[in-house]
Amino acid sequence: WATLLFIGGGLFAFFVVLPRLLLY
């Protein structure tokens, strides 16, 4: 679970958070 959450967090940042943050 720690590995899956680690990967999920990185993907969430890259595909969800960063585009919106950079857009601002």
mmCIF file of all heavy atoms, coordinates in Angstrom:
data_MODEL
# 
_entry.id   MODEL 
# 
loop_
_atom_site.group_PDB 
_atom_site.id 
_atom_site.type_symbol 
_atom_site.label_atom_id 
_atom_site.label_alt_id 
_atom_site.label_comp_id 
_atom_site.label_asym_id 
_atom_site.label_entity_id 
_atom_site.label_seq_id 
_atom_site.pdbx_PDB_ins_code 
_atom_site.Cartn_x 
_atom_site.Cartn_y 
_atom_site.Cartn_z 
_atom_site.occupancy 
_atom_site.B_iso_or_equiv 
_atom_site.pdbx_formal_charge 
_atom_site.auth_seq_id 
_atom_site.auth_comp_id 
_atom_site.auth_asym_id 
_atom_site.auth_atom_id 
_atom_site.pdbx_PDB_model_num 
ATOM 1   N N   . TRP A 1 1  ? 0.818  -1.209 0.000   1.00 0.00 ? 1  TRP A N   1 
ATOM 2   C CA  . TRP A 1 1  ? 0.000  0.000  0.000   1.00 0.00 ? 1  TRP A CA  1 
ATOM 3   C C   . TRP A 1 1  ? 0.854  1.262  0.000   1.00 0.00 ? 1  TRP A C   1 
ATOM 4   O O   . TRP A 1 1  ? 0.495  2.265  -0.635  1.00 0.00 ? 1  TRP A O   1 
ATOM 5   C CB  . TRP A 1 1  ? -0.953 -0.007 1.188   1.00 0.00 ? 1  TRP A CB  1 
ATOM 6   C CG  . TRP A 1 1  ? -2.128 -0.899 0.974   1.00 0.00 ? 1  TRP A CG  1 
ATOM 7   C CD1 . TRP A 1 1  ? -2.358 -2.112 1.544   1.00 0.00 ? 1  TRP A CD1 1 
ATOM 8   C CD2 . TRP A 1 1  ? -3.228 -0.658 0.099   1.00 0.00 ? 1  TRP A CD2 1 
ATOM 9   N NE1 . TRP A 1 1  ? -3.533 -2.650 1.087   1.00 0.00 ? 1  TRP A NE1 1 
ATOM 10  C CE2 . TRP A 1 1  ? -4.094 -1.782 0.198   1.00 0.00 ? 1  TRP A CE2 1 
ATOM 11  C CE3 . TRP A 1 1  ? -3.576 0.378  -0.759  1.00 0.00 ? 1  TRP A CE3 1 
ATOM 12  C CZ2 . TRP A 1 1  ? -5.272 -1.876 -0.532  1.00 0.00 ? 1  TRP A CZ2 1 
ATOM 13  C CZ3 . TRP A 1 1  ? -4.743 0.292  -1.485  1.00 0.00 ? 1  TRP A CZ3 1 
ATOM 14  C CH2 . TRP A 1 1  ? -5.583 -0.824 -1.371  1.00 0.00 ? 1  TRP A CH2 1 
ATOM 15  N N   . ALA A 1 2  ? 1.975  1.244  0.702   1.00 0.00 ? 2  ALA A N   1 
ATOM 16  C CA  . ALA A 1 2  ? 2.858  2.411  0.717   1.00 0.00 ? 2  ALA A CA  1 
ATOM 17  C C   . ALA A 1 2  ? 3.405  2.689  -0.680  1.00 0.00 ? 2  ALA A C   1 
ATOM 18  O O   . ALA A 1 2  ? 3.476  3.844  -1.123  1.00 0.00 ? 2  ALA A O   1 
ATOM 19  C CB  . ALA A 1 2  ? 4.003  2.199  1.702   1.00 0.00 ? 2  ALA A CB  1 
ATOM 20  N N   . THR A 1 3  ? 3.763  1.628  -1.401  1.00 0.00 ? 3  THR A N   1 
ATOM 21  C CA  . THR A 1 3  ? 4.278  1.794  -2.760  1.00 0.00 ? 3  THR A CA  1 
ATOM 22  C C   . THR A 1 3  ? 3.200  2.313  -3.699  1.00 0.00 ? 3  THR A C   1 
ATOM 23  O O   . THR A 1 3  ? 3.440  3.237  -4.492  1.00 0.00 ? 3  THR A O   1 
ATOM 24  C CB  . THR A 1 3  ? 4.824  0.454  -3.288  1.00 0.00 ? 3  THR A CB  1 
ATOM 25  O OG1 . THR A 1 3  ? 5.875  -0.006 -2.420  1.00 0.00 ? 3  THR A OG1 1 
ATOM 26  C CG2 . THR A 1 3  ? 5.361  0.607  -4.699  1.00 0.00 ? 3  THR A CG2 1 
ATOM 27  N N   . LEU A 1 4  ? 1.995  1.731  -3.615  1.00 0.00 ? 4  LEU A N   1 
ATOM 28  C CA  . LEU A 1 4  ? 0.903  2.167  -4.486  1.00 0.00 ? 4  LEU A CA  1 
ATOM 29  C C   . LEU A 1 4  ? 0.518  3.619  -4.217  1.00 0.00 ? 4  LEU A C   1 
ATOM 30  O O   . LEU A 1 4  ? 0.272  4.392  -5.156  1.00 0.00 ? 4  LEU A O   1 
ATOM 31  C CB  . LEU A 1 4  ? -0.310 1.254  -4.298  1.00 0.00 ? 4  LEU A CB  1 
ATOM 32  C CG  . LEU A 1 4  ? -0.160 -0.195 -4.789  1.00 0.00 ? 4  LEU A CG  1 
ATOM 33  C CD1 . LEU A 1 4  ? -1.414 -0.995 -4.472  1.00 0.00 ? 4  LEU A CD1 1 
ATOM 34  C CD2 . LEU A 1 4  ? 0.144  -0.230 -6.280  1.00 0.00 ? 4  LEU A CD2 1 
ATOM 35  N N   . LEU A 1 5  ? 0.477  4.009  -2.947  1.00 0.00 ? 5  LEU A N   1 
ATOM 36  C CA  . LEU A 1 5  ? 0.142  5.389  -2.609  1.00 0.00 ? 5  LEU A CA  1 
ATOM 37  C C   . LEU A 1 5  ? 1.244  6.350  -3.053  1.00 0.00 ? 5  LEU A C   1 
ATOM 38  O O   . LEU A 1 5  ? 0.962  7.475  -3.475  1.00 0.00 ? 5  LEU A O   1 
ATOM 39  C CB  . LEU A 1 5  ? -0.096 5.521  -1.104  1.00 0.00 ? 5  LEU A CB  1 
ATOM 40  C CG  . LEU A 1 5  ? -1.400 4.906  -0.585  1.00 0.00 ? 5  LEU A CG  1 
ATOM 41  C CD1 . LEU A 1 5  ? -1.411 4.879  0.933   1.00 0.00 ? 5  LEU A CD1 1 
ATOM 42  C CD2 . LEU A 1 5  ? -2.606 5.687  -1.109  1.00 0.00 ? 5  LEU A CD2 1 
ATOM 43  N N   . PHE A 1 6  ? 2.485  5.921  -2.957  1.00 0.00 ? 6  PHE A N   1 
ATOM 44  C CA  . PHE A 1 6  ? 3.611  6.742  -3.406  1.00 0.00 ? 6  PHE A CA  1 
ATOM 45  C C   . PHE A 1 6  ? 3.496  7.016  -4.903  1.00 0.00 ? 6  PHE A C   1 
ATOM 46  O O   . PHE A 1 6  ? 3.614  8.168  -5.362  1.00 0.00 ? 6  PHE A O   1 
ATOM 47  C CB  . PHE A 1 6  ? 4.918  6.034  -3.084  1.00 0.00 ? 6  PHE A CB  1 
ATOM 48  C CG  . PHE A 1 6  ? 6.150  6.845  -3.380  1.00 0.00 ? 6  PHE A CG  1 
ATOM 49  C CD1 . PHE A 1 6  ? 6.629  7.756  -2.460  1.00 0.00 ? 6  PHE A CD1 1 
ATOM 50  C CD2 . PHE A 1 6  ? 6.829  6.683  -4.582  1.00 0.00 ? 6  PHE A CD2 1 
ATOM 51  C CE1 . PHE A 1 6  ? 7.764  8.504  -2.728  1.00 0.00 ? 6  PHE A CE1 1 
ATOM 52  C CE2 . PHE A 1 6  ? 7.968  7.419  -4.858  1.00 0.00 ? 6  PHE A CE2 1 
ATOM 53  C CZ  . PHE A 1 6  ? 8.432  8.333  -3.931  1.00 0.00 ? 6  PHE A CZ  1 
ATOM 54  N N   . ILE A 1 7  ? 3.236  5.973  -5.678  1.00 0.00 ? 7  ILE A N   1 
ATOM 55  C CA  . ILE A 1 7  ? 3.078  6.128  -7.122  1.00 0.00 ? 7  ILE A CA  1 
ATOM 56  C C   . ILE A 1 7  ? 1.848  6.976  -7.437  1.00 0.00 ? 7  ILE A C   1 
ATOM 57  O O   . ILE A 1 7  ? 1.890  7.874  -8.294  1.00 0.00 ? 7  ILE A O   1 
ATOM 58  C CB  . ILE A 1 7  ? 2.972  4.751  -7.800  1.00 0.00 ? 7  ILE A CB  1 
ATOM 59  C CG1 . ILE A 1 7  ? 4.283  3.975  -7.609  1.00 0.00 ? 7  ILE A CG1 1 
ATOM 60  C CG2 . ILE A 1 7  ? 2.647  4.890  -9.281  1.00 0.00 ? 7  ILE A CG2 1 
ATOM 61  C CD1 . ILE A 1 7  ? 4.222  2.545  -8.076  1.00 0.00 ? 7  ILE A CD1 1 
ATOM 62  N N   . GLY A 1 8  ? 0.733  6.707  -6.734  1.00 0.00 ? 8  GLY A N   1 
ATOM 63  C CA  . GLY A 1 8  ? -0.484 7.465  -6.953  1.00 0.00 ? 8  GLY A CA  1 
ATOM 64  C C   . GLY A 1 8  ? -0.308 8.944  -6.650  1.00 0.00 ? 8  GLY A C   1 
ATOM 65  O O   . GLY A 1 8  ? -0.830 9.805  -7.374  1.00 0.00 ? 8  GLY A O   1 
ATOM 66  N N   . GLY A 1 9  ? 0.429  9.255  -5.592  1.00 0.00 ? 9  GLY A N   1 
ATOM 67  C CA  . GLY A 1 9  ? 0.668  10.657 -5.251  1.00 0.00 ? 9  GLY A CA  1 
ATOM 68  C C   . GLY A 1 9  ? 1.476  11.380 -6.313  1.00 0.00 ? 9  GLY A C   1 
ATOM 69  O O   . GLY A 1 9  ? 1.185  12.527 -6.655  1.00 0.00 ? 9  GLY A O   1 
ATOM 70  N N   . GLY A 1 10 ? 2.503  10.702 -6.838  1.00 0.00 ? 10 GLY A N   1 
ATOM 71  C CA  . GLY A 1 10 ? 3.302  11.309 -7.895  1.00 0.00 ? 10 GLY A CA  1 
ATOM 72  C C   . GLY A 1 10 ? 2.492  11.551 -9.155  1.00 0.00 ? 10 GLY A C   1 
ATOM 73  O O   . GLY A 1 10 ? 2.596  12.616 -9.782  1.00 0.00 ? 10 GLY A O   1 
ATOM 74  N N   . LEU A 1 11 ? 1.659  10.582 -9.543  1.00 0.00 ? 11 LEU A N   1 
ATOM 75  C CA  . LEU A 1 11 ? 0.817  10.736 -10.735 1.00 0.00 ? 11 LEU A CA  1 
ATOM 76  C C   . LEU A 1 11 ? -0.229 11.834 -10.540 1.00 0.00 ? 11 LEU A C   1 
ATOM 77  O O   . LEU A 1 11 ? -0.510 12.608 -11.460 1.00 0.00 ? 11 LEU A O   1 
ATOM 78  C CB  . LEU A 1 11 ? 0.131  9.407  -11.062 1.00 0.00 ? 11 LEU A CB  1 
ATOM 79  C CG  . LEU A 1 11 ? 1.060  8.265  -11.499 1.00 0.00 ? 11 LEU A CG  1 
ATOM 80  C CD1 . LEU A 1 11 ? 0.261  6.979  -11.684 1.00 0.00 ? 11 LEU A CD1 1 
ATOM 81  C CD2 . LEU A 1 11 ? 1.794  8.625  -12.785 1.00 0.00 ? 11 LEU A CD2 1 
ATOM 82  N N   . PHE A 1 12 ? -0.801 11.908 -9.340  1.00 0.00 ? 12 PHE A N   1 
ATOM 83  C CA  . PHE A 1 12 ? -1.787 12.950 -9.042  1.00 0.00 ? 12 PHE A CA  1 
ATOM 84  C C   . PHE A 1 12 ? -1.153 14.337 -9.162  1.00 0.00 ? 12 PHE A C   1 
ATOM 85  O O   . PHE A 1 12 ? -1.765 15.267 -9.717  1.00 0.00 ? 12 PHE A O   1 
ATOM 86  C CB  . PHE A 1 12 ? -2.348 12.742 -7.644  1.00 0.00 ? 12 PHE A CB  1 
ATOM 87  C CG  . PHE A 1 12 ? -3.349 13.777 -7.218  1.00 0.00 ? 12 PHE A CG  1 
ATOM 88  C CD1 . PHE A 1 12 ? -4.658 13.731 -7.665  1.00 0.00 ? 12 PHE A CD1 1 
ATOM 89  C CD2 . PHE A 1 12 ? -2.976 14.809 -6.364  1.00 0.00 ? 12 PHE A CD2 1 
ATOM 90  C CE1 . PHE A 1 12 ? -5.576 14.689 -7.281  1.00 0.00 ? 12 PHE A CE1 1 
ATOM 91  C CE2 . PHE A 1 12 ? -3.885 15.768 -5.966  1.00 0.00 ? 12 PHE A CE2 1 
ATOM 92  C CZ  . PHE A 1 12 ? -5.196 15.709 -6.428  1.00 0.00 ? 12 PHE A CZ  1 
ATOM 93  N N   . ALA A 1 13 ? 0.061  14.484 -8.642  1.00 0.00 ? 13 ALA A N   1 
ATOM 94  C CA  . ALA A 1 13 ? 0.743  15.775 -8.727  1.00 0.00 ? 13 ALA A CA  1 
ATOM 95  C C   . ALA A 1 13 ? 1.027  16.144 -10.173 1.00 0.00 ? 13 ALA A C   1 
ATOM 96  O O   . ALA A 1 13 ? 0.821  17.289 -10.593 1.00 0.00 ? 13 ALA A O   1 
ATOM 97  C CB  . ALA A 1 13 ? 2.041  15.726 -7.929  1.00 0.00 ? 13 ALA A CB  1 
ATOM 98  N N   . PHE A 1 14 ? 1.478  15.173 -10.952 1.00 0.00 ? 14 PHE A N   1 
ATOM 99  C CA  . PHE A 1 14 ? 1.920  15.458 -12.314 1.00 0.00 ? 14 PHE A CA  1 
ATOM 100 C C   . PHE A 1 14 ? 0.754  15.764 -13.253 1.00 0.00 ? 14 PHE A C   1 
ATOM 101 O O   . PHE A 1 14 ? 0.828  16.684 -14.070 1.00 0.00 ? 14 PHE A O   1 
ATOM 102 C CB  . PHE A 1 14 ? 2.717  14.274 -12.857 1.00 0.00 ? 14 PHE A CB  1 
ATOM 103 C CG  . PHE A 1 14 ? 3.450  14.568 -14.143 1.00 0.00 ? 14 PHE A CG  1 
ATOM 104 C CD1 . PHE A 1 14 ? 4.664  15.216 -14.120 1.00 0.00 ? 14 PHE A CD1 1 
ATOM 105 C CD2 . PHE A 1 14 ? 2.907  14.202 -15.361 1.00 0.00 ? 14 PHE A CD2 1 
ATOM 106 C CE1 . PHE A 1 14 ? 5.335  15.496 -15.298 1.00 0.00 ? 14 PHE A CE1 1 
ATOM 107 C CE2 . PHE A 1 14 ? 3.563  14.479 -16.544 1.00 0.00 ? 14 PHE A CE2 1 
ATOM 108 C CZ  . PHE A 1 14 ? 4.788  15.125 -16.511 1.00 0.00 ? 14 PHE A CZ  1 
ATOM 109 N N   . PHE A 1 15 ? -0.334 15.003 -13.124 1.00 0.00 ? 15 PHE A N   1 
ATOM 110 C CA  . PHE A 1 15 ? -1.423 15.127 -14.089 1.00 0.00 ? 15 PHE A CA  1 
ATOM 111 C C   . PHE A 1 15 ? -2.578 16.011 -13.609 1.00 0.00 ? 15 PHE A C   1 
ATOM 112 O O   . PHE A 1 15 ? -3.377 16.464 -14.436 1.00 0.00 ? 15 PHE A O   1 
ATOM 113 C CB  . PHE A 1 15 ? -1.977 13.741 -14.443 1.00 0.00 ? 15 PHE A CB  1 
ATOM 114 C CG  . PHE A 1 15 ? -1.028 12.909 -15.254 1.00 0.00 ? 15 PHE A CG  1 
ATOM 115 C CD1 . PHE A 1 15 ? -0.346 11.857 -14.677 1.00 0.00 ? 15 PHE A CD1 1 
ATOM 116 C CD2 . PHE A 1 15 ? -0.800 13.189 -16.590 1.00 0.00 ? 15 PHE A CD2 1 
ATOM 117 C CE1 . PHE A 1 15 ? 0.536  11.084 -15.418 1.00 0.00 ? 15 PHE A CE1 1 
ATOM 118 C CE2 . PHE A 1 15 ? 0.071  12.427 -17.345 1.00 0.00 ? 15 PHE A CE2 1 
ATOM 119 C CZ  . PHE A 1 15 ? 0.747  11.373 -16.757 1.00 0.00 ? 15 PHE A CZ  1 
ATOM 120 N N   . VAL A 1 16 ? -2.674 16.260 -12.301 1.00 0.00 ? 16 VAL A N   1 
ATOM 121 C CA  . VAL A 1 16 ? -3.808 17.029 -11.779 1.00 0.00 ? 16 VAL A CA  1 
ATOM 122 C C   . VAL A 1 16 ? -3.353 18.359 -11.176 1.00 0.00 ? 16 VAL A C   1 
ATOM 123 O O   . VAL A 1 16 ? -3.850 19.433 -11.557 1.00 0.00 ? 16 VAL A O   1 
ATOM 124 C CB  . VAL A 1 16 ? -4.591 16.210 -10.729 1.00 0.00 ? 16 VAL A CB  1 
ATOM 125 C CG1 . VAL A 1 16 ? -5.744 17.036 -10.167 1.00 0.00 ? 16 VAL A CG1 1 
ATOM 126 C CG2 . VAL A 1 16 ? -5.122 14.918 -11.337 1.00 0.00 ? 16 VAL A CG2 1 
ATOM 127 N N   . VAL A 1 17 ? -2.413 18.297 -10.240 1.00 0.00 ? 17 VAL A N   1 
ATOM 128 C CA  . VAL A 1 17 ? -2.037 19.506 -9.499  1.00 0.00 ? 17 VAL A CA  1 
ATOM 129 C C   . VAL A 1 17 ? -1.180 20.445 -10.338 1.00 0.00 ? 17 VAL A C   1 
ATOM 130 O O   . VAL A 1 17 ? -1.471 21.647 -10.449 1.00 0.00 ? 17 VAL A O   1 
ATOM 131 C CB  . VAL A 1 17 ? -1.306 19.130 -8.202  1.00 0.00 ? 17 VAL A CB  1 
ATOM 132 C CG1 . VAL A 1 17 ? -0.836 20.386 -7.474  1.00 0.00 ? 17 VAL A CG1 1 
ATOM 133 C CG2 . VAL A 1 17 ? -2.216 18.313 -7.298  1.00 0.00 ? 17 VAL A CG2 1 
ATOM 134 N N   . LEU A 1 18 ? -0.120 19.918 -10.946 1.00 0.00 ? 18 LEU A N   1 
ATOM 135 C CA  . LEU A 1 18 ? 0.826  20.779 -11.651 1.00 0.00 ? 18 LEU A CA  1 
ATOM 136 C C   . LEU A 1 18 ? 0.203  21.560 -12.814 1.00 0.00 ? 18 LEU A C   1 
ATOM 137 O O   . LEU A 1 18 ? 0.471  22.768 -12.939 1.00 0.00 ? 18 LEU A O   1 
ATOM 138 C CB  . LEU A 1 18 ? 2.019  19.952 -12.144 1.00 0.00 ? 18 LEU A CB  1 
ATOM 139 C CG  . LEU A 1 18 ? 3.067  19.640 -11.070 1.00 0.00 ? 18 LEU A CG  1 
ATOM 140 C CD1 . LEU A 1 18 ? 4.111  18.674 -11.592 1.00 0.00 ? 18 LEU A CD1 1 
ATOM 141 C CD2 . LEU A 1 18 ? 3.736  20.928 -10.588 1.00 0.00 ? 18 LEU A CD2 1 
ATOM 142 N N   . PRO A 1 19 ? -0.616 20.942 -13.681 1.00 0.00 ? 19 PRO A N   1 
ATOM 143 C CA  . PRO A 1 19 ? -1.220 21.754 -14.753 1.00 0.00 ? 19 PRO A CA  1 
ATOM 144 C C   . PRO A 1 19 ? -2.028 22.929 -14.230 1.00 0.00 ? 19 PRO A C   1 
ATOM 145 O O   . PRO A 1 19 ? -1.968 24.036 -14.795 1.00 0.00 ? 19 PRO A O   1 
ATOM 146 C CB  . PRO A 1 19 ? -2.102 20.741 -15.491 1.00 0.00 ? 19 PRO A CB  1 
ATOM 147 C CG  . PRO A 1 19 ? -1.456 19.419 -15.246 1.00 0.00 ? 19 PRO A CG  1 
ATOM 148 C CD  . PRO A 1 19 ? -0.928 19.511 -13.848 1.00 0.00 ? 19 PRO A CD  1 
ATOM 149 N N   . ARG A 1 20 ? -2.778 22.721 -13.150 1.00 0.00 ? 20 ARG A N   1 
ATOM 150 C CA  . ARG A 1 20 ? -3.581 23.806 -12.590 1.00 0.00 ? 20 ARG A CA  1 
ATOM 151 C C   . ARG A 1 20 ? -2.712 24.864 -11.899 1.00 0.00 ? 20 ARG A C   1 
ATOM 152 O O   . ARG A 1 20 ? -2.988 26.063 -11.980 1.00 0.00 ? 20 ARG A O   1 
ATOM 153 C CB  . ARG A 1 20 ? -4.616 23.242 -11.616 1.00 0.00 ? 20 ARG A CB  1 
ATOM 154 C CG  . ARG A 1 20 ? -5.729 22.491 -12.331 1.00 0.00 ? 20 ARG A CG  1 
ATOM 155 C CD  . ARG A 1 20 ? -6.484 21.558 -11.412 1.00 0.00 ? 20 ARG A CD  1 
ATOM 156 N NE  . ARG A 1 20 ? -7.617 20.940 -12.098 1.00 0.00 ? 20 ARG A NE  1 
ATOM 157 C CZ  . ARG A 1 20 ? -7.495 19.933 -12.948 1.00 0.00 ? 20 ARG A CZ  1 
ATOM 158 N NH1 . ARG A 1 20 ? -6.300 19.428 -13.222 1.00 0.00 ? 20 ARG A NH1 1 
ATOM 159 N NH2 . ARG A 1 20 ? -8.566 19.423 -13.538 1.00 0.00 ? 20 ARG A NH2 1 
ATOM 160 N N   . LEU A 1 21 ? -1.679 24.398 -11.217 1.00 0.00 ? 21 LEU A N   1 
ATOM 161 C CA  . LEU A 1 21 ? -0.783 25.328 -10.545 1.00 0.00 ? 21 LEU A CA  1 
ATOM 162 C C   . LEU A 1 21 ? -0.008 26.166 -11.562 1.00 0.00 ? 21 LEU A C   1 
ATOM 163 O O   . LEU A 1 21 ? 0.129  27.393 -11.415 1.00 0.00 ? 21 LEU A O   1 
ATOM 164 C CB  . LEU A 1 21 ? 0.180  24.550 -9.651  1.00 0.00 ? 21 LEU A CB  1 
ATOM 165 C CG  . LEU A 1 21 ? 0.949  25.332 -8.592  1.00 0.00 ? 21 LEU A CG  1 
ATOM 166 C CD1 . LEU A 1 21 ? -0.001 26.038 -7.646  1.00 0.00 ? 21 LEU A CD1 1 
ATOM 167 C CD2 . LEU A 1 21 ? 1.866  24.395 -7.812  1.00 0.00 ? 21 LEU A CD2 1 
ATOM 168 N N   . LEU A 1 22 ? 0.480  25.516 -12.602 1.00 0.00 ? 22 LEU A N   1 
ATOM 169 C CA  . LEU A 1 22 ? 1.206  26.244 -13.637 1.00 0.00 ? 22 LEU A CA  1 
ATOM 170 C C   . LEU A 1 22 ? 0.282  27.178 -14.414 1.00 0.00 ? 22 LEU A C   1 
ATOM 171 O O   . LEU A 1 22 ? 0.705  28.256 -14.860 1.00 0.00 ? 22 LEU A O   1 
ATOM 172 C CB  . LEU A 1 22 ? 1.876  25.252 -14.591 1.00 0.00 ? 22 LEU A CB  1 
ATOM 173 C CG  . LEU A 1 22 ? 3.058  24.474 -13.993 1.00 0.00 ? 22 LEU A CG  1 
ATOM 174 C CD1 . LEU A 1 22 ? 3.512  23.380 -14.943 1.00 0.00 ? 22 LEU A CD1 1 
ATOM 175 C CD2 . LEU A 1 22 ? 4.212  25.409 -13.667 1.00 0.00 ? 22 LEU A CD2 1 
ATOM 176 N N   . LEU A 1 23 ? -0.980 26.765 -14.587 1.00 0.00 ? 23 LEU A N   1 
ATOM 177 C CA  . LEU A 1 23 ? -1.945 27.627 -15.257 1.00 0.00 ? 23 LEU A CA  1 
ATOM 178 C C   . LEU A 1 23 ? -2.105 28.938 -14.495 1.00 0.00 ? 23 LEU A C   1 
ATOM 179 O O   . LEU A 1 23 ? -2.191 30.019 -15.100 1.00 0.00 ? 23 LEU A O   1 
ATOM 180 C CB  . LEU A 1 23 ? -3.292 26.908 -15.376 1.00 0.00 ? 23 LEU A CB  1 
ATOM 181 C CG  . LEU A 1 23 ? -4.408 27.680 -16.092 1.00 0.00 ? 23 LEU A CG  1 
ATOM 182 C CD1 . LEU A 1 23 ? -4.032 27.930 -17.552 1.00 0.00 ? 23 LEU A CD1 1 
ATOM 183 C CD2 . LEU A 1 23 ? -5.722 26.908 -16.003 1.00 0.00 ? 23 LEU A CD2 1 
ATOM 184 N N   . TYR A 1 24 ? -2.123 28.850 -13.178 1.00 0.00 ? 24 TYR A N   1 
ATOM 185 C CA  . TYR A 1 24 ? -2.217 30.073 -12.378 1.00 0.00 ? 24 TYR A CA  1 
ATOM 186 C C   . TYR A 1 24 ? -0.944 30.913 -12.502 1.00 0.00 ? 24 TYR A C   1 
ATOM 187 O O   . TYR A 1 24 ? -1.004 32.132 -12.721 1.00 0.00 ? 24 TYR A O   1 
ATOM 188 C CB  . TYR A 1 24 ? -2.476 29.730 -10.918 1.00 0.00 ? 24 TYR A CB  1 
ATOM 189 C CG  . TYR A 1 24 ? -2.277 30.912 -10.003 1.00 0.00 ? 24 TYR A CG  1 
ATOM 190 C CD1 . TYR A 1 24 ? -3.214 31.933 -9.944  1.00 0.00 ? 24 TYR A CD1 1 
ATOM 191 C CD2 . TYR A 1 24 ? -1.117 31.015 -9.236  1.00 0.00 ? 24 TYR A CD2 1 
ATOM 192 C CE1 . TYR A 1 24 ? -3.010 33.033 -9.136  1.00 0.00 ? 24 TYR A CE1 1 
ATOM 193 C CE2 . TYR A 1 24 ? -0.909 32.112 -8.421  1.00 0.00 ? 24 TYR A CE2 1 
ATOM 194 C CZ  . TYR A 1 24 ? -1.864 33.120 -8.368  1.00 0.00 ? 24 TYR A CZ  1 
ATOM 195 O OH  . TYR A 1 24 ? -1.657 34.209 -7.576  1.00 0.00 ? 24 TYR A OH  1 
# 
